[in-house]
Amino acid sequence: RDFTYIDDIVEGVIRVCDRTPTPN
């Protein structure tokens, strides 16, 4: 399993939230 620690997950979620996707 690719075990992922919660602090790393949270950092990723918030970075994604702050970056609104645009069309490719």
PDB file of all heavy atoms in Angstrom:
ATOM      1  N   ARG A   1       0.838  -1.191   0.000  1.00  0.00           N
ATOM      2  CA  ARG A   1       0.000   0.000   0.000  1.00  0.00           C
ATOM      3  C   ARG A   1       0.875   1.244   0.000  1.00  0.00           C
ATOM      4  O   ARG A   1       1.923   1.291   0.646  1.00  0.00           O
ATOM      5  CB  ARG A   1      -0.920   0.020   1.237  1.00  0.00           C
ATOM      6  CG  ARG A   1      -2.058  -0.997   1.200  1.00  0.00           C
ATOM      7  CD  ARG A   1      -3.076  -0.645   0.144  1.00  0.00           C
ATOM      8  NE  ARG A   1      -4.190  -1.585   0.089  1.00  0.00           N
ATOM      9  CZ  ARG A   1      -4.242  -2.660  -0.698  1.00  0.00           C
ATOM     10  NH1 ARG A   1      -3.194  -2.942  -1.489  1.00  0.00           N
ATOM     11  NH2 ARG A   1      -5.290  -3.445  -0.711  1.00  0.00           N
ATOM     12  N   ASP A   2       0.405   2.256  -0.707  1.00  0.00           N
ATOM     13  CA  ASP A   2       1.089   3.542  -0.740  1.00  0.00           C
ATOM     14  C   ASP A   2       0.557   4.377   0.429  1.00  0.00           C
ATOM     15  O   ASP A   2      -0.227   5.301   0.247  1.00  0.00           O
ATOM     16  CB  ASP A   2       0.820   4.240  -2.078  1.00  0.00           C
ATOM     17  CG  ASP A   2       1.873   5.278  -2.415  1.00  0.00           C
ATOM     18  OD1 ASP A   2       2.574   5.723  -1.486  1.00  0.00           O
ATOM     19  OD2 ASP A   2       1.995   5.651  -3.588  1.00  0.00           O
ATOM     20  N   PHE A   3       0.978   4.009   1.643  1.00  0.00           N
ATOM     21  CA  PHE A   3       0.509   4.664   2.864  1.00  0.00           C
ATOM     22  C   PHE A   3       0.920   6.143   2.849  1.00  0.00           C
ATOM     23  O   PHE A   3       2.084   6.469   2.654  1.00  0.00           O
ATOM     24  CB  PHE A   3       1.096   3.981   4.097  1.00  0.00           C
ATOM     25  CG  PHE A   3       0.659   2.557   4.276  1.00  0.00           C
ATOM     26  CD1 PHE A   3       1.507   1.507   3.953  1.00  0.00           C
ATOM     27  CD2 PHE A   3      -0.602   2.267   4.778  1.00  0.00           C
ATOM     28  CE1 PHE A   3       1.111   0.187   4.131  1.00  0.00           C
ATOM     29  CE2 PHE A   3      -1.012   0.944   4.955  1.00  0.00           C
ATOM     30  CZ  PHE A   3      -0.162  -0.095   4.624  1.00  0.00           C
ATOM     31  N   THR A   4      -0.055   7.032   3.086  1.00  0.00           N
ATOM     32  CA  THR A   4       0.199   8.472   2.995  1.00  0.00           C
ATOM     33  C   THR A   4      -0.244   9.159   4.273  1.00  0.00           C
ATOM     34  O   THR A   4      -1.412   9.059   4.672  1.00  0.00           O
ATOM     35  CB  THR A   4      -0.536   9.075   1.790  1.00  0.00           C
ATOM     36  OG1 THR A   4      -0.339   8.246   0.639  1.00  0.00           O
ATOM     37  CG2 THR A   4      -0.023  10.480   1.500  1.00  0.00           C
ATOM     38  N   TYR A   5       0.674   9.863   4.909  1.00  0.00           N
ATOM     39  CA  TYR A   5       0.416  10.488   6.208  1.00  0.00           C
ATOM     40  C   TYR A   5      -0.522  11.685   6.058  1.00  0.00           C
ATOM     41  O   TYR A   5      -0.450  12.431   5.077  1.00  0.00           O
ATOM     42  CB  TYR A   5       1.734  10.922   6.843  1.00  0.00           C
ATOM     43  CG  TYR A   5       1.609  11.367   8.282  1.00  0.00           C
ATOM     44  CD1 TYR A   5       1.198  10.485   9.277  1.00  0.00           C
ATOM     45  CD2 TYR A   5       1.901  12.682   8.647  1.00  0.00           C
ATOM     46  CE1 TYR A   5       1.092  10.888  10.598  1.00  0.00           C
ATOM     47  CE2 TYR A   5       1.805  13.096   9.970  1.00  0.00           C
ATOM     48  CZ  TYR A   5       1.384  12.187  10.933  1.00  0.00           C
ATOM     49  OH  TYR A   5       1.273  12.594  12.246  1.00  0.00           O
ATOM     50  N   ILE A   6      -1.362  11.872   7.038  1.00  0.00           N
ATOM     51  CA  ILE A   6      -2.427  12.869   6.964  1.00  0.00           C
ATOM     52  C   ILE A   6      -1.900  14.285   6.733  1.00  0.00           C
ATOM     53  O   ILE A   6      -2.511  15.055   5.983  1.00  0.00           O
ATOM     54  CB  ILE A   6      -3.325  12.804   8.235  1.00  0.00           C
ATOM     55  CG1 ILE A   6      -4.510  13.754   8.113  1.00  0.00           C
ATOM     56  CG2 ILE A   6      -2.517  13.081   9.485  1.00  0.00           C
ATOM     57  CD1 ILE A   6      -5.455  13.472   6.981  1.00  0.00           C
ATOM     58  N   ASP A   7      -0.788  14.666   7.344  1.00  0.00           N
ATOM     59  CA  ASP A   7      -0.268  16.029   7.143  1.00  0.00           C
ATOM     60  C   ASP A   7       0.117  16.268   5.681  1.00  0.00           C
ATOM     61  O   ASP A   7      -0.081  17.370   5.149  1.00  0.00           O
ATOM     62  CB  ASP A   7       0.948  16.284   8.038  1.00  0.00           C
ATOM     63  CG  ASP A   7       0.580  16.412   9.509  1.00  0.00           C
ATOM     64  OD1 ASP A   7      -0.622  16.291   9.843  1.00  0.00           O
ATOM     65  OD2 ASP A   7       1.491  16.632  10.331  1.00  0.00           O
ATOM     66  N   ASP A   8       0.654  15.235   5.040  1.00  0.00           N
ATOM     67  CA  ASP A   8       0.998  15.356   3.622  1.00  0.00           C
ATOM     68  C   ASP A   8      -0.261  15.467   2.774  1.00  0.00           C
ATOM     69  O   ASP A   8      -0.321  16.243   1.813  1.00  0.00           O
ATOM     70  CB  ASP A   8       1.840  14.160   3.174  1.00  0.00           C
ATOM     71  CG  ASP A   8       3.202  14.115   3.848  1.00  0.00           C
ATOM     72  OD1 ASP A   8       3.751  15.195   4.134  1.00  0.00           O
ATOM     73  OD2 ASP A   8       3.705  13.007   4.105  1.00  0.00           O
ATOM     74  N   ILE A   9      -1.271  14.684   3.126  1.00  0.00           N
ATOM     75  CA  ILE A   9      -2.549  14.750   2.417  1.00  0.00           C
ATOM     76  C   ILE A   9      -3.153  16.143   2.519  1.00  0.00           C
ATOM     77  O   ILE A   9      -3.591  16.739   1.528  1.00  0.00           O
ATOM     78  CB  ILE A   9      -3.534  13.708   2.993  1.00  0.00           C
ATOM     79  CG1 ILE A   9      -3.123  12.291   2.585  1.00  0.00           C
ATOM     80  CG2 ILE A   9      -4.971  14.016   2.577  1.00  0.00           C
ATOM     81  CD1 ILE A   9      -3.386  11.949   1.127  1.00  0.00           C
ATOM     82  N   VAL A  10      -3.191  16.689   3.723  1.00  0.00           N
ATOM     83  CA  VAL A  10      -3.785  18.013   3.949  1.00  0.00           C
ATOM     84  C   VAL A  10      -3.053  19.074   3.131  1.00  0.00           C
ATOM     85  O   VAL A  10      -3.689  19.941   2.507  1.00  0.00           O
ATOM     86  CB  VAL A  10      -3.761  18.365   5.453  1.00  0.00           C
ATOM     87  CG1 VAL A  10      -4.117  19.837   5.671  1.00  0.00           C
ATOM     88  CG2 VAL A  10      -4.730  17.473   6.209  1.00  0.00           C
ATOM     89  N   GLU A  11      -1.733  19.004   3.139  1.00  0.00           N
ATOM     90  CA  GLU A  11      -0.953  19.961   2.354  1.00  0.00           C
ATOM     91  C   GLU A  11      -1.338  19.895   0.881  1.00  0.00           C
ATOM     92  O   GLU A  11      -1.520  20.925   0.215  1.00  0.00           O
ATOM     93  CB  GLU A  11       0.540  19.661   2.523  1.00  0.00           C
ATOM     94  CG  GLU A  11       1.463  20.625   1.806  1.00  0.00           C
ATOM     95  CD  GLU A  11       1.473  22.021   2.420  1.00  0.00           C
ATOM     96  OE1 GLU A  11       1.137  22.155   3.623  1.00  0.00           O
ATOM     97  OE2 GLU A  11       1.813  22.977   1.686  1.00  0.00           O
ATOM     98  N   GLY A  12      -1.499  18.677   0.373  1.00  0.00           N
ATOM     99  CA  GLY A  12      -1.882  18.507  -1.027  1.00  0.00           C
ATOM    100  C   GLY A  12      -3.281  19.012  -1.319  1.00  0.00           C
ATOM    101  O   GLY A  12      -3.517  19.673  -2.334  1.00  0.00           O
ATOM    102  N   VAL A  13      -4.226  18.708  -0.441  1.00  0.00           N
ATOM    103  CA  VAL A  13      -5.617  19.145  -0.635  1.00  0.00           C
ATOM    104  C   VAL A  13      -5.687  20.670  -0.708  1.00  0.00           C
ATOM    105  O   VAL A  13      -6.362  21.237  -1.582  1.00  0.00           O
ATOM    106  CB  VAL A  13      -6.522  18.621   0.500  1.00  0.00           C
ATOM    107  CG1 VAL A  13      -7.909  19.267   0.435  1.00  0.00           C
ATOM    108  CG2 VAL A  13      -6.654  17.103   0.424  1.00  0.00           C
ATOM    109  N   ILE A  14      -5.007  21.337   0.191  1.00  0.00           N
ATOM    110  CA  ILE A  14      -5.085  22.799   0.232  1.00  0.00           C
ATOM    111  C   ILE A  14      -4.358  23.417  -0.961  1.00  0.00           C
ATOM    112  O   ILE A  14      -4.842  24.408  -1.544  1.00  0.00           O
ATOM    113  CB  ILE A  14      -4.538  23.319   1.574  1.00  0.00           C
ATOM    114  CG1 ILE A  14      -5.497  22.882   2.698  1.00  0.00           C
ATOM    115  CG2 ILE A  14      -4.395  24.839   1.560  1.00  0.00           C
ATOM    116  CD1 ILE A  14      -5.046  23.237   4.080  1.00  0.00           C
ATOM    117  N   ARG A  15      -3.239  22.849  -1.362  1.00  0.00           N
ATOM    118  CA  ARG A  15      -2.565  23.347  -2.563  1.00  0.00           C
ATOM    119  C   ARG A  15      -3.476  23.222  -3.791  1.00  0.00           C
ATOM    120  O   ARG A  15      -3.535  24.115  -4.641  1.00  0.00           O
ATOM    121  CB  ARG A  15      -1.257  22.582  -2.802  1.00  0.00           C
ATOM    122  CG  ARG A  15      -0.120  22.989  -1.869  1.00  0.00           C
ATOM    123  CD  ARG A  15       1.106  22.111  -2.074  1.00  0.00           C
ATOM    124  NE  ARG A  15       2.193  22.513  -1.206  1.00  0.00           N
ATOM    125  CZ  ARG A  15       3.182  23.341  -1.553  1.00  0.00           C
ATOM    126  NH1 ARG A  15       3.202  23.852  -2.775  1.00  0.00           N
ATOM    127  NH2 ARG A  15       4.134  23.641  -0.702  1.00  0.00           N
ATOM    128  N   VAL A  16      -4.184  22.115  -3.880  1.00  0.00           N
ATOM    129  CA  VAL A  16      -5.109  21.912  -4.996  1.00  0.00           C
ATOM    130  C   VAL A  16      -6.277  22.894  -4.915  1.00  0.00           C
ATOM    131  O   VAL A  16      -6.684  23.483  -5.927  1.00  0.00           O
ATOM    132  CB  VAL A  16      -5.625  20.460  -5.006  1.00  0.00           C
ATOM    133  CG1 VAL A  16      -6.845  20.314  -5.917  1.00  0.00           C
ATOM    134  CG2 VAL A  16      -4.520  19.515  -5.457  1.00  0.00           C
ATOM    135  N   CYS A  17      -6.809  23.080  -3.720  1.00  0.00           N
ATOM    136  CA  CYS A  17      -7.926  24.009  -3.537  1.00  0.00           C
ATOM    137  C   CYS A  17      -7.557  25.415  -4.007  1.00  0.00           C
ATOM    138  O   CYS A  17      -8.375  26.131  -4.599  1.00  0.00           O
ATOM    139  CB  CYS A  17      -8.336  24.030  -2.064  1.00  0.00           C
ATOM    140  SG  CYS A  17      -9.736  25.115  -1.689  1.00  0.00           S
ATOM    141  N   ASP A  18      -6.325  25.806  -3.757  1.00  0.00           N
ATOM    142  CA  ASP A  18      -5.867  27.152  -4.109  1.00  0.00           C
ATOM    143  C   ASP A  18      -5.545  27.306  -5.596  1.00  0.00           C
ATOM    144  O   ASP A  18      -5.297  28.421  -6.064  1.00  0.00           O
ATOM    145  CB  ASP A  18      -4.620  27.509  -3.287  1.00  0.00           C
ATOM    146  CG  ASP A  18      -4.925  27.716  -1.818  1.00  0.00           C
ATOM    147  OD1 ASP A  18      -6.099  27.929  -1.477  1.00  0.00           O
ATOM    148  OD2 ASP A  18      -3.981  27.668  -1.002  1.00  0.00           O
ATOM    149  N   ARG A  19      -5.558  26.207  -6.333  1.00  0.00           N
ATOM    150  CA  ARG A  19      -5.216  26.253  -7.765  1.00  0.00           C
ATOM    151  C   ARG A  19      -6.427  25.831  -8.590  1.00  0.00           C
ATOM    152  O   ARG A  19      -6.691  24.657  -8.762  1.00  0.00           O
ATOM    153  CB  ARG A  19      -4.026  25.330  -8.051  1.00  0.00           C
ATOM    154  CG  ARG A  19      -3.542  25.399  -9.485  1.00  0.00           C
ATOM    155  CD  ARG A  19      -2.430  24.391  -9.737  1.00  0.00           C
ATOM    156  NE  ARG A  19      -1.873  24.524 -11.071  1.00  0.00           N
ATOM    157  CZ  ARG A  19      -2.400  23.986 -12.164  1.00  0.00           C
ATOM    158  NH1 ARG A  19      -3.507  23.250 -12.075  1.00  0.00           N
ATOM    159  NH2 ARG A  19      -1.824  24.158 -13.347  1.00  0.00           N
ATOM    160  N   THR A  20      -7.158  26.781  -9.110  1.00  0.00           N
ATOM    161  CA  THR A  20      -8.353  26.491  -9.894  1.00  0.00           C
ATOM    162  C   THR A  20      -7.958  25.944 -11.263  1.00  0.00           C
ATOM    163  O   THR A  20      -7.154  26.560 -11.969  1.00  0.00           O
ATOM    164  CB  THR A  20      -9.202  27.761 -10.075  1.00  0.00           C
ATOM    165  OG1 THR A  20      -9.521  28.280  -8.787  1.00  0.00           O
ATOM    166  CG2 THR A  20     -10.483  27.454 -10.832  1.00  0.00           C
ATOM    167  N   PRO A  21      -8.493  24.787 -11.647  1.00  0.00           N
ATOM    168  CA  PRO A  21      -8.101  24.192 -12.933  1.00  0.00           C
ATOM    169  C   PRO A  21      -8.630  24.991 -14.121  1.00  0.00           C
ATOM    170  O   PRO A  21      -9.668  25.644 -14.041  1.00  0.00           O
ATOM    171  CB  PRO A  21      -8.743  22.806 -12.883  1.00  0.00           C
ATOM    172  CG  PRO A  21      -9.904  22.958 -11.958  1.00  0.00           C
ATOM    173  CD  PRO A  21      -9.467  23.960 -10.932  1.00  0.00           C
ATOM    174  N   THR A  22      -7.890  24.927 -15.206  1.00  0.00           N
ATOM    175  CA  THR A  22      -8.293  25.553 -16.461  1.00  0.00           C
ATOM    176  C   THR A  22      -8.286  24.480 -17.549  1.00  0.00           C
ATOM    177  O   THR A  22      -7.676  23.417 -17.379  1.00  0.00           O
ATOM    178  CB  THR A  22      -7.321  26.688 -16.846  1.00  0.00           C
ATOM    179  OG1 THR A  22      -5.992  26.156 -16.901  1.00  0.00           O
ATOM    180  CG2 THR A  22      -7.376  27.817 -15.819  1.00  0.00           C
ATOM    181  N   PRO A  23      -8.954  24.745 -18.670  1.00  0.00           N
ATOM    182  CA  PRO A  23      -8.939  23.760 -19.756  1.00  0.00           C
ATOM    183  C   PRO A  23      -7.518  23.483 -20.249  1.00  0.00           C
ATOM    184  O   PRO A  23      -6.662  24.373 -20.251  1.00  0.00           O
ATOM    185  CB  PRO A  23      -9.774  24.442 -20.849  1.00  0.00           C
ATOM    186  CG  PRO A  23     -10.670  25.385 -20.117  1.00  0.00           C
ATOM    187  CD  PRO A  23      -9.847  25.885 -18.957  1.00  0.00           C
ATOM    188  N   ASN A  24      -7.276  22.263 -20.647  1.00  0.00           N
ATOM    189  CA  ASN A  24      -5.990  21.881 -21.221  1.00  0.00           C
ATOM    190  C   ASN A  24      -6.024  22.191 -22.718  1.00  0.00           C
ATOM    191  O   ASN A  24      -6.722  21.510 -23.478  1.00  0.00           O
ATOM    192  CB  ASN A  24      -5.737  20.386 -20.989  1.00  0.00           C
ATOM    193  CG  ASN A  24      -4.447  19.904 -21.631  1.00  0.00           C
ATOM    194  OD1 ASN A  24      -3.684  20.698 -22.177  1.00  0.00           O
ATOM    195  ND2 ASN A  24      -4.214  18.596 -21.583  1.00  0.00           N
TER     196      ASN A  24
END
